[in-house]
Amino acid sequence: MASFAQANRESAARGHGLEEFFKLGMMCSTGHSMPIDMVAAHKWFNLAALRGSRDAIRLRNEVAAEMSAAEIAAAQRAARTWLTQH
């Protein structure tokens, strides 16, 4: 059986979008059901922000304040890659 995090990633991949992206950003940034991963959190918040979530914009900015320029660039690349693949 897939983990909660994997199920959310699969749901997001099927195009369910904003809520799933936001949940994944929260999970990655807090370490809920997975290790903390700020690059992944930024990516998911960025994808939720692109779909209009103001909370995701705010949290993406908060996460970015704790990241290096290289980490932010990696997160942005990951978001672009996700968009081109789904």
PDB file of N, CA and C in Angstrom:
ATOM      1  N   MET A   1       0.839  -1.188   0.000  1.00  0.00           N
ATOM      2  CA  MET A   1       0.000   0.000   0.000  1.00  0.00           C
ATOM      3  C   MET A   1       0.884   1.251   0.000  1.00  0.00           C
ATOM      4  N   ALA A   2       0.515   2.200  -0.806  1.00  0.00           N
ATOM      5  CA  ALA A   2       1.304   3.437  -0.920  1.00  0.00           C
ATOM      6  C   ALA A   2       1.174   4.270   0.347  1.00  0.00           C
ATOM      7  N   SER A   3       2.235   4.984   0.685  1.00  0.00           N
ATOM      8  CA  SER A   3       2.196   5.886   1.828  1.00  0.00           C
ATOM      9  C   SER A   3       1.301   7.070   1.513  1.00  0.00           C
ATOM     10  N   PHE A   4       0.919   7.805   2.562  1.00  0.00           N
ATOM     11  CA  PHE A   4       0.101   9.001   2.390  1.00  0.00           C
ATOM     12  C   PHE A   4       0.789   9.985   1.455  1.00  0.00           C
ATOM     13  N   ALA A   5       2.090  10.176   1.649  1.00  0.00           N
ATOM     14  CA  ALA A   5       2.844  11.111   0.808  1.00  0.00           C
ATOM     15  C   ALA A   5       2.835  10.653  -0.646  1.00  0.00           C
ATOM     16  N   GLN A   6       3.066   9.362  -0.883  1.00  0.00           N
ATOM     17  CA  GLN A   6       3.067   8.839  -2.250  1.00  0.00           C
ATOM     18  C   GLN A   6       1.676   8.982  -2.867  1.00  0.00           C
ATOM     19  N   ALA A   7       0.635   8.708  -2.107  1.00  0.00           N
ATOM     20  CA  ALA A   7      -0.729   8.853  -2.619  1.00  0.00           C
ATOM     21  C   ALA A   7      -1.008  10.300  -3.013  1.00  0.00           C
ATOM     22  N   ASN A   8      -0.531  11.262  -2.210  1.00  0.00           N
ATOM     23  CA  ASN A   8      -0.725  12.669  -2.546  1.00  0.00           C
ATOM     24  C   ASN A   8       0.051  13.051  -3.796  1.00  0.00           C
ATOM     25  N   ARG A   9       1.279  12.545  -3.942  1.00  0.00           N
ATOM     26  CA  ARG A   9       2.058  12.830  -5.150  1.00  0.00           C
ATOM     27  C   ARG A   9       1.344  12.277  -6.378  1.00  0.00           C
ATOM     28  N   GLU A  10       0.799  11.069  -6.257  1.00  0.00           N
ATOM     29  CA  GLU A  10       0.087  10.462  -7.381  1.00  0.00           C
ATOM     30  C   GLU A  10      -1.177  11.249  -7.704  1.00  0.00           C
ATOM     31  N   SER A  11      -1.879  11.714  -6.687  1.00  0.00           N
ATOM     32  CA  SER A  11      -3.081  12.517  -6.897  1.00  0.00           C
ATOM     33  C   SER A  11      -2.727  13.821  -7.595  1.00  0.00           C
ATOM     34  N   ALA A  12      -1.668  14.468  -7.148  1.00  0.00           N
ATOM     35  CA  ALA A  12      -1.229  15.720  -7.774  1.00  0.00           C
ATOM     36  C   ALA A  12      -0.854  15.476  -9.229  1.00  0.00           C
ATOM     37  N   ALA A  13      -0.206  14.366  -9.491  1.00  0.00           N
ATOM     38  CA  ALA A  13       0.205  14.047 -10.853  1.00  0.00           C
ATOM     39  C   ALA A  13      -0.988  13.834 -11.779  1.00  0.00           C
ATOM     40  N   ARG A  14      -2.094  13.399 -11.228  1.00  0.00           N
ATOM     41  CA  ARG A  14      -3.295  13.193 -12.042  1.00  0.00           C
ATOM     42  C   ARG A  14      -4.015  14.504 -12.327  1.00  0.00           C
ATOM     43  N   GLY A  15      -3.463  15.618 -11.857  1.00  0.00           N
ATOM     44  CA  GLY A  15      -4.034  16.908 -12.190  1.00  0.00           C
ATOM     45  C   GLY A  15      -5.004  17.463 -11.169  1.00  0.00           C
ATOM     46  N   HIS A  16      -5.018  16.901  -9.961  1.00  0.00           N
ATOM     47  CA  HIS A  16      -5.948  17.390  -8.951  1.00  0.00           C
ATOM     48  C   HIS A  16      -5.508  18.731  -8.387  1.00  0.00           C
ATOM     49  N   GLY A  17      -4.224  19.015  -8.446  1.00  0.00           N
ATOM     50  CA  GLY A  17      -3.707  20.343  -8.292  1.00  0.00           C
ATOM     51  C   GLY A  17      -3.566  21.006  -6.952  1.00  0.00           C
ATOM     52  N   LEU A  18      -4.155  22.166  -6.854  1.00  0.00           N
ATOM     53  CA  LEU A  18      -3.898  23.134  -5.800  1.00  0.00           C
ATOM     54  C   LEU A  18      -3.858  22.525  -4.401  1.00  0.00           C
ATOM     55  N   GLU A  19      -4.885  21.859  -3.978  1.00  0.00           N
ATOM     56  CA  GLU A  19      -4.922  21.337  -2.604  1.00  0.00           C
ATOM     57  C   GLU A  19      -3.836  20.299  -2.369  1.00  0.00           C
ATOM     58  N   GLU A  20      -3.643  19.401  -3.329  1.00  0.00           N
ATOM     59  CA  GLU A  20      -2.620  18.370  -3.177  1.00  0.00           C
ATOM     60  C   GLU A  20      -1.220  18.984  -3.181  1.00  0.00           C
ATOM     61  N   PHE A  21      -0.992  19.959  -4.063  1.00  0.00           N
ATOM     62  CA  PHE A  21       0.309  20.624  -4.095  1.00  0.00           C
ATOM     63  C   PHE A  21       0.590  21.307  -2.761  1.00  0.00           C
ATOM     64  N   PHE A  22      -0.425  21.997  -2.231  1.00  0.00           N
ATOM     65  CA  PHE A  22      -0.262  22.700  -0.970  1.00  0.00           C
ATOM     66  C   PHE A  22       0.027  21.707   0.164  1.00  0.00           C
ATOM     67  N   LYS A  23      -0.723  20.603   0.209  1.00  0.00           N
ATOM     68  CA  LYS A  23      -0.499  19.582   1.240  1.00  0.00           C
ATOM     69  C   LYS A  23       0.917  19.029   1.162  1.00  0.00           C
ATOM     70  N   LEU A  24       1.374  18.752  -0.057  1.00  0.00           N
ATOM     71  CA  LEU A  24       2.733  18.241  -0.209  1.00  0.00           C
ATOM     72  C   LEU A  24       3.768  19.256   0.248  1.00  0.00           C
ATOM     73  N   GLY A  25       3.558  20.527  -0.060  1.00  0.00           N
ATOM     74  CA  GLY A  25       4.464  21.567   0.425  1.00  0.00           C
ATOM     75  C   GLY A  25       4.509  21.598   1.942  1.00  0.00           C
ATOM     76  N   MET A  26       3.344  21.487   2.565  1.00  0.00           N
ATOM     77  CA  MET A  26       3.286  21.472   4.028  1.00  0.00           C
ATOM     78  C   MET A  26       4.006  20.247   4.590  1.00  0.00           C
ATOM     79  N   MET A  27       3.758  19.097   3.993  1.00  0.00           N
ATOM     80  CA  MET A  27       4.385  17.868   4.477  1.00  0.00           C
ATOM     81  C   MET A  27       5.906  17.944   4.350  1.00  0.00           C
ATOM     82  N   CYS A  28       6.379  18.429   3.217  1.00  0.00           N
ATOM     83  CA  CYS A  28       7.830  18.515   2.999  1.00  0.00           C
ATOM     84  C   CYS A  28       8.485  19.546   3.908  1.00  0.00           C
ATOM     85  N   SER A  29       7.773  20.628   4.192  1.00  0.00           N
ATOM     86  CA  SER A  29       8.375  21.684   5.011  1.00  0.00           C
ATOM     87  C   SER A  29       8.322  21.383   6.504  1.00  0.00           C
ATOM     88  N   THR A  30       7.417  20.512   6.921  1.00  0.00           N
ATOM     89  CA  THR A  30       7.286  20.205   8.351  1.00  0.00           C
ATOM     90  C   THR A  30       7.807  18.827   8.716  1.00  0.00           C
ATOM     91  N   GLY A  31       8.049  17.979   7.707  1.00  0.00           N
ATOM     92  CA  GLY A  31       8.507  16.629   7.987  1.00  0.00           C
ATOM     93  C   GLY A  31       7.377  15.694   8.381  1.00  0.00           C
ATOM     94  N   HIS A  32       6.150  16.038   8.034  1.00  0.00           N
ATOM     95  CA  HIS A  32       5.005  15.179   8.338  1.00  0.00           C
ATOM     96  C   HIS A  32       4.943  14.042   7.320  1.00  0.00           C
ATOM     97  N   SER A  33       5.091  12.819   7.784  1.00  0.00           N
ATOM     98  CA  SER A  33       5.053  11.604   6.958  1.00  0.00           C
ATOM     99  C   SER A  33       6.241  11.465   6.019  1.00  0.00           C
ATOM    100  N   MET A  34       7.241  12.308   6.165  1.00  0.00           N
ATOM    101  CA  MET A  34       8.436  12.243   5.319  1.00  0.00           C
ATOM    102  C   MET A  34       9.520  13.114   5.957  1.00  0.00           C
ATOM    103  N   PRO A  35      10.770  12.926   5.544  1.00  0.00           N
ATOM    104  CA  PRO A  35      11.820  13.820   6.039  1.00  0.00           C
ATOM    105  C   PRO A  35      11.612  15.248   5.527  1.00  0.00           C
ATOM    106  N   ILE A  36      12.046  16.226   6.299  1.00  0.00           N
ATOM    107  CA  ILE A  36      11.963  17.623   5.852  1.00  0.00           C
ATOM    108  C   ILE A  36      12.812  17.781   4.596  1.00  0.00           C
ATOM    109  N   ASP A  37      12.233  18.428   3.585  1.00  0.00           N
ATOM    110  CA  ASP A  37      12.910  18.664   2.318  1.00  0.00           C
ATOM    111  C   ASP A  37      12.448  20.030   1.813  1.00  0.00           C
ATOM    112  N   MET A  38      13.232  21.060   2.085  1.00  0.00           N
ATOM    113  CA  MET A  38      12.835  22.417   1.735  1.00  0.00           C
ATOM    114  C   MET A  38      12.821  22.653   0.224  1.00  0.00           C
ATOM    115  N   VAL A  39      13.670  21.976  -0.518  1.00  0.00           N
ATOM    116  CA  VAL A  39      13.653  22.115  -1.979  1.00  0.00           C
ATOM    117  C   VAL A  39      12.322  21.584  -2.509  1.00  0.00           C
ATOM    118  N   ALA A  40      11.919  20.418  -2.044  1.00  0.00           N
ATOM    119  CA  ALA A  40      10.632  19.848  -2.469  1.00  0.00           C
ATOM    120  C   ALA A  40       9.473  20.719  -1.984  1.00  0.00           C
ATOM    121  N   ALA A  41       9.558  21.234  -0.762  1.00  0.00           N
ATOM    122  CA  ALA A  41       8.500  22.105  -0.246  1.00  0.00           C
ATOM    123  C   ALA A  41       8.331  23.326  -1.138  1.00  0.00           C
ATOM    124  N   HIS A  42       9.438  23.952  -1.500  1.00  0.00           N
ATOM    125  CA  HIS A  42       9.392  25.126  -2.376  1.00  0.00           C
ATOM    126  C   HIS A  42       8.739  24.758  -3.704  1.00  0.00           C
ATOM    127  N   LYS A  43       9.142  23.613  -4.258  1.00  0.00           N
ATOM    128  CA  LYS A  43       8.570  23.165  -5.533  1.00  0.00           C
ATOM    129  C   LYS A  43       7.054  23.033  -5.436  1.00  0.00           C
ATOM    130  N   TRP A  44       6.563  22.336  -4.414  1.00  0.00           N
ATOM    131  CA  TRP A  44       5.118  22.119  -4.299  1.00  0.00           C
ATOM    132  C   TRP A  44       4.372  23.406  -3.988  1.00  0.00           C
ATOM    133  N   PHE A  45       4.936  24.251  -3.132  1.00  0.00           N
ATOM    134  CA  PHE A  45       4.296  25.545  -2.884  1.00  0.00           C
ATOM    135  C   PHE A  45       4.277  26.385  -4.167  1.00  0.00           C
ATOM    136  N   ASN A  46       5.351  26.310  -4.946  1.00  0.00           N
ATOM    137  CA  ASN A  46       5.405  27.054  -6.202  1.00  0.00           C
ATOM    138  C   ASN A  46       4.306  26.575  -7.153  1.00  0.00           C
ATOM    139  N   LEU A  47       4.108  25.272  -7.256  1.00  0.00           N
ATOM    140  CA  LEU A  47       3.064  24.737  -8.123  1.00  0.00           C
ATOM    141  C   LEU A  47       1.674  25.140  -7.629  1.00  0.00           C
ATOM    142  N   ALA A  48       1.467  25.133  -6.315  1.00  0.00           N
ATOM    143  CA  ALA A  48       0.183  25.591  -5.767  1.00  0.00           C
ATOM    144  C   ALA A  48      -0.004  27.084  -6.022  1.00  0.00           C
ATOM    145  N   ALA A  49       1.069  27.841  -5.907  1.00  0.00           N
ATOM    146  CA  ALA A  49       0.999  29.283  -6.164  1.00  0.00           C
ATOM    147  C   ALA A  49       0.616  29.556  -7.617  1.00  0.00           C
ATOM    148  N   LEU A  50       1.147  28.769  -8.515  1.00  0.00           N
ATOM    149  CA  LEU A  50       0.816  28.934  -9.930  1.00  0.00           C
ATOM    150  C   LEU A  50      -0.668  28.682 -10.205  1.00  0.00           C
ATOM    151  N   ARG A  51      -1.295  27.918  -9.322  1.00  0.00           N
ATOM    152  CA  ARG A  51      -2.721  27.635  -9.458  1.00  0.00           C
ATOM    153  C   ARG A  51      -3.575  28.606  -8.627  1.00  0.00           C
ATOM    154  N   GLY A  52      -2.922  29.642  -8.053  1.00  0.00           N
ATOM    155  CA  GLY A  52      -3.672  30.709  -7.416  1.00  0.00           C
ATOM    156  C   GLY A  52      -3.735  30.720  -5.908  1.00  0.00           C
ATOM    157  N   SER A  53      -2.971  29.879  -5.226  1.00  0.00           N
ATOM    158  CA  SER A  53      -3.012  29.846  -3.764  1.00  0.00           C
ATOM    159  C   SER A  53      -2.159  30.964  -3.165  1.00  0.00           C
ATOM    160  N   ARG A  54      -2.822  31.899  -2.513  1.00  0.00           N
ATOM    161  CA  ARG A  54      -2.080  32.987  -1.843  1.00  0.00           C
ATOM    162  C   ARG A  54      -1.284  32.474  -0.657  1.00  0.00           C
ATOM    163  N   ASP A  55      -1.841  31.479   0.057  1.00  0.00           N
ATOM    164  CA  ASP A  55      -1.103  30.890   1.179  1.00  0.00           C
ATOM    165  C   ASP A  55       0.175  30.219   0.683  1.00  0.00           C
ATOM    166  N   ALA A  56       0.100  29.572  -0.472  1.00  0.00           N
ATOM    167  CA  ALA A  56       1.288  28.925  -1.031  1.00  0.00           C
ATOM    168  C   ALA A  56       2.350  29.953  -1.400  1.00  0.00           C
ATOM    169  N   ILE A  57       1.916  31.095  -1.917  1.00  0.00           N
ATOM    170  CA  ILE A  57       2.870  32.161  -2.245  1.00  0.00           C
ATOM    171  C   ILE A  57       3.604  32.600  -0.979  1.00  0.00           C
ATOM    172  N   ARG A  58       2.842  32.834   0.084  1.00  0.00           N
ATOM    173  CA  ARG A  58       3.431  33.267   1.352  1.00  0.00           C
ATOM    174  C   ARG A  58       4.400  32.214   1.897  1.00  0.00           C
ATOM    175  N   LEU A  59       3.969  30.957   1.901  1.00  0.00           N
ATOM    176  CA  LEU A  59       4.817  29.901   2.460  1.00  0.00           C
ATOM    177  C   LEU A  59       6.030  29.622   1.579  1.00  0.00           C
ATOM    178  N   ARG A  60       5.858  29.728   0.263  1.00  0.00           N
ATOM    179  CA  ARG A  60       7.012  29.578  -0.639  1.00  0.00           C
ATOM    180  C   ARG A  60       8.061  30.634  -0.310  1.00  0.00           C
ATOM    181  N   ASN A  61       7.626  31.859  -0.073  1.00  0.00           N
ATOM    182  CA  ASN A  61       8.556  32.935   0.277  1.00  0.00           C
ATOM    183  C   ASN A  61       9.226  32.687   1.620  1.00  0.00           C
ATOM    184  N   GLU A  62       8.467  32.164   2.584  1.00  0.00           N
ATOM    185  CA  GLU A  62       9.053  31.842   3.896  1.00  0.00           C
ATOM    186  C   GLU A  62      10.097  30.742   3.769  1.00  0.00           C
ATOM    187  N   VAL A  63       9.783  29.714   3.004  1.00  0.00           N
ATOM    188  CA  VAL A  63      10.726  28.618   2.787  1.00  0.00           C
ATOM    189  C   VAL A  63      11.966  29.139   2.073  1.00  0.00           C
ATOM    190  N   ALA A  64      11.763  29.970   1.061  1.00  0.00           N
ATOM    191  CA  ALA A  64      12.890  30.509   0.284  1.00  0.00           C
ATOM    192  C   ALA A  64      13.836  31.323   1.157  1.00  0.00           C
ATOM    193  N   ALA A  65      13.302  31.981   2.174  1.00  0.00           N
ATOM    194  CA  ALA A  65      14.147  32.786   3.067  1.00  0.00           C
ATOM    195  C   ALA A  65      15.134  31.918   3.839  1.00  0.00           C
ATOM    196  N   GLU A  66      14.854  30.639   3.938  1.00  0.00           N
ATOM    197  CA  GLU A  66      15.727  29.700   4.663  1.00  0.00           C
ATOM    198  C   GLU A  66      16.635  28.907   3.722  1.00  0.00           C
ATOM    199  N   MET A  67      16.545  29.175   2.427  1.00  0.00           N
ATOM    200  CA  MET A  67      17.271  28.394   1.431  1.00  0.00           C
ATOM    201  C   MET A  67      18.387  29.206   0.781  1.00  0.00           C
ATOM    202  N   SER A  68      19.364  28.485   0.259  1.00  0.00           N
ATOM    203  CA  SER A  68      20.422  29.143  -0.521  1.00  0.00           C
ATOM    204  C   SER A  68      19.904  29.404  -1.934  1.00  0.00           C
ATOM    205  N   ALA A  69      20.624  30.243  -2.663  1.00  0.00           N
ATOM    206  CA  ALA A  69      20.252  30.526  -4.057  1.00  0.00           C
ATOM    207  C   ALA A  69      20.282  29.245  -4.889  1.00  0.00           C
ATOM    208  N   ALA A  70      21.239  28.371  -4.634  1.00  0.00           N
ATOM    209  CA  ALA A  70      21.335  27.109  -5.371  1.00  0.00           C
ATOM    210  C   ALA A  70      20.142  26.206  -5.069  1.00  0.00           C
ATOM    211  N   GLU A  71      19.697  26.186  -3.820  1.00  0.00           N
ATOM    212  CA  GLU A  71      18.530  25.373  -3.465  1.00  0.00           C
ATOM    213  C   GLU A  71      17.258  25.908  -4.117  1.00  0.00           C
ATOM    214  N   ILE A  72      17.115  27.222  -4.136  1.00  0.00           N
ATOM    215  CA  ILE A  72      15.950  27.829  -4.785  1.00  0.00           C
ATOM    216  C   ILE A  72      15.958  27.507  -6.279  1.00  0.00           C
ATOM    217  N   ALA A  73      17.109  27.610  -6.901  1.00  0.00           N
ATOM    218  CA  ALA A  73      17.220  27.291  -8.328  1.00  0.00           C
ATOM    219  C   ALA A  73      16.851  25.830  -8.577  1.00  0.00           C
ATOM    220  N   ALA A  74      17.302  24.934  -7.700  1.00  0.00           N
ATOM    221  CA  ALA A  74      16.966  23.510  -7.843  1.00  0.00           C
ATOM    222  C   ALA A  74      15.463  23.291  -7.705  1.00  0.00           C
ATOM    223  N   ALA A  75      14.839  23.991  -6.765  1.00  0.00           N
ATOM    224  CA  ALA A  75      13.391  23.866  -6.578  1.00  0.00           C
ATOM    225  C   ALA A  75      12.632  24.391  -7.791  1.00  0.00           C
ATOM    226  N   GLN A  76      13.096  25.484  -8.346  1.00  0.00           N
ATOM    227  CA  GLN A  76      12.439  26.042  -9.535  1.00  0.00           C
ATOM    228  C   GLN A  76      12.589  25.110 -10.735  1.00  0.00           C
ATOM    229  N   ARG A  77      13.775  24.514 -10.871  1.00  0.00           N
ATOM    230  CA  ARG A  77      13.970  23.532 -11.952  1.00  0.00           C
ATOM    231  C   ARG A  77      13.037  22.338 -11.764  1.00  0.00           C
ATOM    232  N   ALA A  78      12.915  21.884 -10.520  1.00  0.00           N
ATOM    233  CA  ALA A  78      12.042  20.742 -10.231  1.00  0.00           C
ATOM    234  C   ALA A  78      10.591  21.060 -10.563  1.00  0.00           C
ATOM    235  N   ALA A  79      10.146  22.268 -10.262  1.00  0.00           N
ATOM    236  CA  ALA A  79       8.770  22.670 -10.585  1.00  0.00           C
ATOM    237  C   ALA A  79       8.574  22.715 -12.099  1.00  0.00           C
ATOM    238  N   ARG A  80       9.544  23.283 -12.819  1.00  0.00           N
ATOM    239  CA  ARG A  80       9.444  23.331 -14.282  1.00  0.00           C
ATOM    240  C   ARG A  80       9.417  21.923 -14.872  1.00  0.00           C
ATOM    241  N   THR A  81      10.265  21.065 -14.354  1.00  0.00           N
ATOM    242  CA  THR A  81      10.300  19.677 -14.827  1.00  0.00           C
ATOM    243  C   THR A  81       8.960  19.003 -14.578  1.00  0.00           C
ATOM    244  N   TRP A  82       8.404  19.203 -13.377  1.00  0.00           N
ATOM    245  CA  TRP A  82       7.107  18.599 -13.058  1.00  0.00           C
ATOM    246  C   TRP A  82       6.050  19.088 -14.055  1.00  0.00           C
ATOM    247  N   LEU A  83       6.051  20.362 -14.338  1.00  0.00           N
ATOM    248  CA  LEU A  83       5.060  20.923 -15.257  1.00  0.00           C
ATOM    249  C   LEU A  83       5.199  20.356 -16.664  1.00  0.00           C
ATOM    250  N   THR A  84       6.422  20.149 -17.108  1.00  0.00           N
ATOM    251  CA  THR A  84       6.611  19.624 -18.470  1.00  0.00           C
ATOM    252  C   THR A  84       6.274  18.141 -18.567  1.00  0.00           C
ATOM    253  N   GLN A  85       6.325  17.433 -17.447  1.00  0.00           N
ATOM    254  CA  GLN A  85       6.061  15.997 -17.457  1.00  0.00           C
ATOM    255  C   GLN A  85       4.610  15.635 -17.147  1.00  0.00           C
ATOM    256  N   HIS A  86       3.823  16.618 -16.691  1.00  0.00           N
ATOM    257  CA  HIS A  86       2.442  16.288 -16.302  1.00  0.00           C
ATOM    258  C   HIS A  86       1.450  17.161 -17.001  1.00  0.00           C
TER     259      HIS A  86
END
